[in-house]
Structure formats: structure tokens, C-alpha cells
């Protein structure tokens, strides 16, 4: 059995090679139990200003955001404001097929709702500010890809729909609900909703790599609400996972 010191050294060497050979840029935190084996930034958070990544760098976390949305739905269930086995029509009466789609279907990508990120006009409308309800209106009248629960298809639309539902049921914005229920109480001070107008210290810029680095495409972060609009750090994500395991997020722990 390899000792922790040797394993940590090998992890460091592996990540250094990834930076040198595959142009990896980012921050890495590897923890075993309560022991930190690796906590280090690689490459640049901002190439123009030559700013290095560190363990405290804030990144857009993309679809990792979905677990926070799912936790918010379960929190609302604990507060007796909804039930995941309820039909969607109980909360959104005018949603087509809403009698056949349950919140559980939406949570598990088994509702058949087409994912708006695959629409032909997505490259255009992703650059414009929009509300959750307006995005829902872009896909709600489209035919389902399959009968609810009969198959599986990853759907960003479903999680936009859940964010809209969180706002409707809680009476708060999606960001306010997450801050009040999770980020604030758990001390996740480096996690939140990204907003175009907010100056966010230590935020990484986004790049694409095709043999050289390019600035990533612009996305107005109101567009992926609930599906991919959060930022965080590796340290905060570790705190979040620890809180889930300890039963500090929800009344029932999600891990055995």
C-alpha cells in the first residue's frame, strides 16, 4: 500500500505533466478522508494579465451547478412546499404534458424534454439576458423526445425548468434561495450565481485550446440558470461535498 506522501508526490508529478503535455489549466484538490493529498493551481487564471491559478481561484462550474438545483428541490420537499412525485402541472398548470411529467422525471433527465442547448438558434440567444420563464417558453410547446420515464436523455432544459419552479414555489430568486439555504449557512463564501455586472475577485477567465489559447465564447449567465450558472472554488466544492455527507445540507444524508 502506497503511503500518502508518495501518493501526493505522484499526483503532483501527474498534474505537472498534464500541464506541460496537454496544456491543462485549472485548480486541483485531492482529499482522502480528511487528509489533503494535493491542493494546487496550474496554468493561468488570466493569460492577458499573467495571473496564475491557485486553490482559491473561482471558476464557472458548468453542469456541476445541477446538483445544487437538485438539492434545492429536495430542500423544498423537506419544507413541504412540493413533492418530487407530484406532476409538473401542480405547479405550472399551463405546461403541456404536465400531467404526465413528474418532478422526479425532470430531476433524472427522464422527462423527454428537449435540451435547448442543442437548438439551432442557441449560439445566438445564449448571448442575450433572459428570464427562466422566457427560456421555458422556448421549449415547453415542443414535442417530447419520448414518453416520460420510458428513456433517458440529458436535458439542460429540465434544470432551467427546475430553477423556474424553485423561484415560483419559494417566492425567491434562484440565487437568493441557494444563498439563504446553502451558501450562507454552510460558509460557502466563494460560491454563487455569476452575474455580468458583478466584479468577482479571483475569477478565472474562460479559454478554448486548439494548439493555442483563445477566449471562450460569451454566454450571458442568465441563460443557464439552474443548469450551469454557478461559480465556485475547489475548496468550496470540497466543503459542499463534506456537508452533504454529514447531513448538513438535507435532513437525510445522500451517501451510505
Protein backbone atom coordinates (compact mmCIF):
# COMPACT_ATOMS: atom_id res chain seq x y z
CA UNK A 1 0.00 0.00 0.00
CA UNK A 2 1.43 3.36 -1.05
CA UNK A 3 1.93 5.90 1.73
CA UNK A 4 0.24 9.29 1.48
CA UNK A 5 3.46 11.24 0.99
CA UNK A 6 4.49 9.13 -2.02
CA UNK A 7 0.98 9.24 -3.46
CA UNK A 8 0.86 13.04 -3.09
CA UNK A 9 4.19 13.32 -4.90
CA UNK A 10 2.94 11.14 -7.76
CA UNK A 11 -0.27 13.19 -8.02
CA UNK A 12 1.79 16.36 -8.26
CA UNK A 13 4.02 14.87 -10.94
CA UNK A 14 0.99 13.65 -12.91
CA UNK A 15 -0.70 17.06 -12.86
CA UNK A 16 2.55 18.82 -13.80
CA UNK A 17 2.79 16.51 -16.80
CA UNK A 18 -0.81 17.30 -17.74
CA UNK A 19 0.06 20.99 -17.70
CA UNK A 20 3.17 20.52 -19.82
CA UNK A 21 1.86 17.96 -22.32
CA UNK A 22 -1.88 18.67 -22.52
CA UNK A 23 -1.89 22.40 -21.67
CA UNK A 24 -4.07 21.79 -18.60
CA UNK A 25 -5.10 24.94 -16.75
CA UNK A 26 -7.14 24.86 -13.56
CA UNK A 27 -7.08 24.09 -9.86
CA UNK A 28 -6.96 20.62 -8.32
CA UNK A 29 -7.86 19.43 -4.83
CA UNK A 30 -7.48 15.75 -3.94
CA UNK A 31 -8.60 14.66 -0.49
CA UNK A 32 -8.61 11.24 1.15
CA UNK A 33 -10.75 11.27 4.26
CA UNK A 34 -9.69 14.49 5.93
CA UNK A 35 -6.17 14.40 4.52
CA UNK A 36 -5.35 16.78 1.68
CA UNK A 37 -3.14 14.99 -0.82
CA UNK A 38 -2.92 17.75 -3.42
CA UNK A 39 -4.09 21.37 -3.45
CA UNK A 40 -2.59 23.42 -6.24
CA UNK A 41 -3.35 25.66 -9.21
CA UNK A 42 -1.92 25.06 -12.68
CA UNK A 43 -1.58 27.44 -15.58
CA UNK A 44 -3.20 30.86 -15.73
CA UNK A 45 -6.49 32.22 -14.43
CA UNK A 46 -5.95 35.10 -16.85
CA UNK A 47 -3.47 34.98 -19.70
CA UNK A 48 -3.66 38.68 -20.62
CA UNK A 49 -2.54 39.75 -17.16
CA UNK A 50 -0.40 36.67 -16.43
CA UNK A 51 -2.32 35.70 -13.29
CA UNK A 52 -1.77 32.15 -12.04
CA UNK A 53 -4.47 29.74 -10.91
CA UNK A 54 -4.48 28.93 -7.19
CA UNK A 55 -6.70 26.73 -4.98
CA UNK A 56 -8.71 29.92 -4.28
CA UNK A 57 -9.43 30.73 -7.95
CA UNK A 58 -13.14 30.93 -8.76
CA UNK A 59 -14.30 29.03 -11.85
CA UNK A 60 -17.59 28.63 -13.65
CA UNK A 61 -18.56 25.12 -12.60
CA UNK A 62 -20.91 24.42 -15.50
CA UNK A 63 -23.20 21.44 -15.02
CA UNK A 64 -21.84 20.80 -11.53
CA UNK A 65 -24.41 23.53 -10.78
CA UNK A 66 -27.18 20.98 -11.35
CA UNK A 67 -26.54 19.22 -8.04
CA UNK A 68 -27.26 22.48 -6.20
CA UNK A 69 -30.53 22.81 -8.12
CA UNK A 70 -31.47 19.23 -7.26
CA UNK A 71 -30.62 19.84 -3.59
CA UNK A 72 -32.84 22.95 -3.65
CA UNK A 73 -35.77 20.89 -4.93
CA UNK A 74 -35.21 18.34 -2.14
CA UNK A 75 -34.98 21.17 0.39
CA UNK A 76 -38.35 22.49 -0.79
CA UNK A 77 -39.72 18.98 -0.35
CA UNK A 78 -38.43 18.94 3.24
CA UNK A 79 -40.23 22.25 3.75
CA UNK A 80 -43.47 20.63 2.48
CA UNK A 81 -43.67 23.09 -0.42
CA UNK A 82 -43.54 20.38 -3.10
CA UNK A 83 -43.06 16.67 -3.63
CA UNK A 84 -40.82 15.15 -6.28
CA UNK A 85 -43.55 12.65 -7.18
CA UNK A 86 -46.01 15.43 -7.98
CA UNK A 87 -46.91 16.13 -11.60
CA UNK A 88 -45.42 19.27 -13.07
CA UNK A 89 -48.93 20.58 -13.73
CA UNK A 90 -49.49 21.02 -9.97
CA UNK A 91 -47.06 23.95 -10.03
CA UNK A 92 -47.15 25.01 -13.69
CA UNK A 93 -50.76 24.49 -14.73
CA UNK A 94 -50.25 25.53 -18.34
CA UNK A 95 -47.25 23.27 -19.04
CA UNK A 96 -48.07 20.89 -21.93
CA UNK A 97 -47.85 17.22 -20.91
CA UNK A 98 -47.51 18.50 -17.34
CA UNK A 99 -49.92 15.85 -16.03
CA UNK A 100 -47.57 13.11 -17.27
CA UNK A 101 -44.24 14.63 -16.20
CA UNK A 102 -43.27 14.44 -12.53
CA UNK A 103 -40.58 16.50 -10.85
CA UNK A 104 -38.66 13.24 -10.41
CA UNK A 105 -38.69 12.74 -14.17
CA UNK A 106 -37.21 16.20 -14.65
CA UNK A 107 -34.57 15.67 -11.96
CA UNK A 108 -33.43 12.40 -13.51
CA UNK A 109 -33.43 13.51 -17.17
CA UNK A 110 -36.21 11.05 -17.93
CA UNK A 111 -38.97 13.53 -18.83
CA UNK A 112 -38.22 13.65 -22.56
CA UNK A 113 -37.86 17.44 -22.58
CA UNK A 114 -35.59 18.51 -25.47
CA UNK A 115 -32.41 20.26 -24.36
CA UNK A 116 -32.38 23.88 -25.52
CA UNK A 117 -28.57 23.92 -25.82
CA UNK A 118 -28.99 21.75 -28.91
CA UNK A 119 -31.36 24.16 -30.67
CA UNK A 120 -30.12 25.74 -33.91
CA UNK A 121 -30.53 29.27 -32.52
CA UNK A 122 -28.72 28.59 -29.24
CA UNK A 123 -25.41 30.20 -30.39
CA UNK A 124 -27.34 33.45 -30.86
CA UNK A 125 -29.69 33.59 -27.91
CA UNK A 126 -27.08 32.39 -25.38
CA UNK A 127 -25.56 35.87 -25.60
CA UNK A 128 -28.74 37.70 -24.54
CA UNK A 129 -30.11 38.23 -21.00
CA UNK A 130 -33.25 36.20 -20.40
CA UNK A 131 -35.51 35.04 -17.55
CA UNK A 132 -36.12 31.39 -16.63
CA UNK A 133 -39.75 31.67 -17.71
CA UNK A 134 -38.72 33.05 -21.10
CA UNK A 135 -36.37 30.10 -21.64
CA UNK A 136 -39.09 27.64 -20.59
CA UNK A 137 -41.37 29.25 -23.16
CA UNK A 138 -38.80 28.43 -25.86
CA UNK A 139 -39.16 24.67 -25.37
CA UNK A 140 -42.36 23.88 -23.47
CA UNK A 141 -44.56 23.58 -26.58
CA UNK A 142 -42.14 21.32 -28.43
CA UNK A 143 -42.93 17.58 -28.67
CA UNK A 144 -41.32 15.40 -26.02
CA UNK A 145 -38.48 13.22 -27.25
CA UNK A 146 -40.07 10.18 -25.59
CA UNK A 147 -42.80 9.25 -23.13
CA UNK A 148 -41.81 10.30 -19.59
CA UNK A 149 -39.90 7.58 -17.70
CA UNK A 150 -39.51 5.42 -20.82
CA UNK A 151 -35.96 6.52 -21.61
CA UNK A 152 -33.13 8.88 -20.63
CA UNK A 153 -31.78 11.97 -22.37
CA UNK A 154 -29.60 14.58 -20.70
CA UNK A 155 -31.57 17.82 -20.70
CA UNK A 156 -30.34 21.26 -19.72
CA UNK A 157 -33.90 22.44 -20.33
CA UNK A 158 -35.11 20.32 -17.43
CA UNK A 159 -32.86 22.11 -14.97
CA UNK A 160 -33.87 25.54 -16.28
CA UNK A 161 -37.42 24.36 -15.64
CA UNK A 162 -36.48 23.35 -12.08
CA UNK A 163 -34.89 26.76 -11.44
CA UNK A 164 -38.13 28.40 -12.62
CA UNK A 165 -40.05 26.10 -10.29
CA UNK A 166 -37.79 26.94 -7.33
CA UNK A 167 -38.48 30.64 -7.86
CA UNK A 168 -42.23 30.08 -8.25
CA UNK A 169 -42.60 27.87 -5.18
CA UNK A 170 -40.18 29.66 -2.83
CA UNK A 171 -41.08 33.23 -3.76
CA UNK A 172 -37.36 33.99 -4.01
CA UNK A 173 -34.97 34.20 -6.89
CA UNK A 174 -32.93 31.08 -7.59
CA UNK A 175 -29.78 32.80 -6.28
CA UNK A 176 -31.49 34.08 -3.15
CA UNK A 177 -32.80 30.63 -2.32
CA UNK A 178 -29.40 28.96 -2.72
CA UNK A 179 -27.67 31.68 -0.72
CA UNK A 180 -30.20 31.51 2.13
CA UNK A 181 -30.42 27.73 2.35
CA UNK A 182 -26.92 26.58 1.39
CA UNK A 183 -24.16 29.07 0.66
CA UNK A 184 -24.65 31.30 3.70
CA UNK A 185 -25.33 28.63 6.34
CA UNK A 186 -22.51 26.37 5.10
CA UNK A 187 -19.94 29.17 4.81
CA UNK A 188 -19.54 28.75 1.06
CA UNK A 189 -18.45 32.35 0.61
CA UNK A 190 -16.70 31.67 -2.70
CA UNK A 191 -19.74 30.08 -4.36
CA UNK A 192 -22.67 31.81 -6.00
CA UNK A 193 -24.54 32.91 -9.10
CA UNK A 194 -22.36 34.63 -11.67
CA UNK A 195 -23.76 37.95 -12.86
CA UNK A 196 -22.37 40.03 -15.70
CA UNK A 197 -22.39 43.22 -13.65
CA UNK A 198 -20.69 41.78 -10.55
CA UNK A 199 -16.96 42.28 -10.02
CA UNK A 200 -15.81 38.88 -8.79
CA UNK A 201 -12.29 38.81 -7.28
CA UNK A 202 -10.08 35.88 -8.26
CA UNK A 203 -12.39 34.74 -11.09
CA UNK A 204 -10.74 32.77 -13.89
CA UNK A 205 -11.24 33.82 -17.48
CA UNK A 206 -12.54 31.21 -19.91
CA UNK A 207 -10.41 29.85 -22.75
CA UNK A 208 -10.59 27.32 -25.54
CA UNK A 209 -7.46 25.44 -26.61
CA UNK A 210 -6.77 24.33 -30.19
CA UNK A 211 -2.99 24.23 -30.11
CA UNK A 212 -3.12 27.79 -28.79
CA UNK A 213 -5.46 29.51 -26.37
CA UNK A 214 -8.48 31.53 -27.46
CA UNK A 215 -11.01 33.46 -25.44
CA UNK A 216 -14.07 31.30 -24.88
CA UNK A 217 -17.45 32.16 -26.41
CA UNK A 218 -19.51 34.68 -24.47
CA UNK A 219 -22.54 33.31 -22.63
CA UNK A 220 -24.88 35.56 -20.67
CA UNK A 221 -25.06 33.71 -17.37
CA UNK A 222 -28.79 34.33 -17.02
CA UNK A 223 -29.23 31.72 -19.77
CA UNK A 224 -28.02 28.55 -17.98
CA UNK A 225 -29.76 29.33 -14.65
CA UNK A 226 -30.17 26.13 -12.67
CA UNK A 227 -28.21 24.15 -15.24
CA UNK A 228 -24.79 25.81 -15.26
CA UNK A 229 -24.70 29.37 -13.91
CA UNK A 230 -22.76 28.96 -10.67
CA UNK A 231 -19.14 29.64 -9.80
CA UNK A 232 -17.09 28.09 -7.02
CA UNK A 233 -13.62 27.03 -5.92
CA UNK A 234 -12.19 23.56 -5.39
CA UNK A 235 -12.08 24.34 -1.67
CA UNK A 236 -15.76 25.30 -1.51
CA UNK A 237 -16.79 22.26 -3.55
CA UNK A 238 -14.97 20.06 -1.05
CA UNK A 239 -16.84 21.82 1.78
CA UNK A 240 -20.12 21.22 -0.05
CA UNK A 241 -19.47 17.51 -0.54
CA UNK A 242 -18.42 17.13 3.09
CA UNK A 243 -21.62 18.90 4.17
CA UNK A 244 -23.72 16.55 2.04
CA UNK A 245 -22.08 13.52 3.63
CA UNK A 246 -22.54 14.94 7.14
CA UNK A 247 -26.26 15.61 6.65
CA UNK A 248 -25.84 19.39 6.94
CA UNK A 249 -27.47 20.13 3.56
CA UNK A 250 -30.53 17.92 3.78
CA UNK A 251 -32.15 16.08 6.68
CA UNK A 252 -31.32 12.72 5.10
CA UNK A 253 -27.75 12.09 4.01
CA UNK A 254 -27.31 11.16 0.36
CA UNK A 255 -24.43 8.78 0.98
CA UNK A 256 -24.22 5.49 2.82
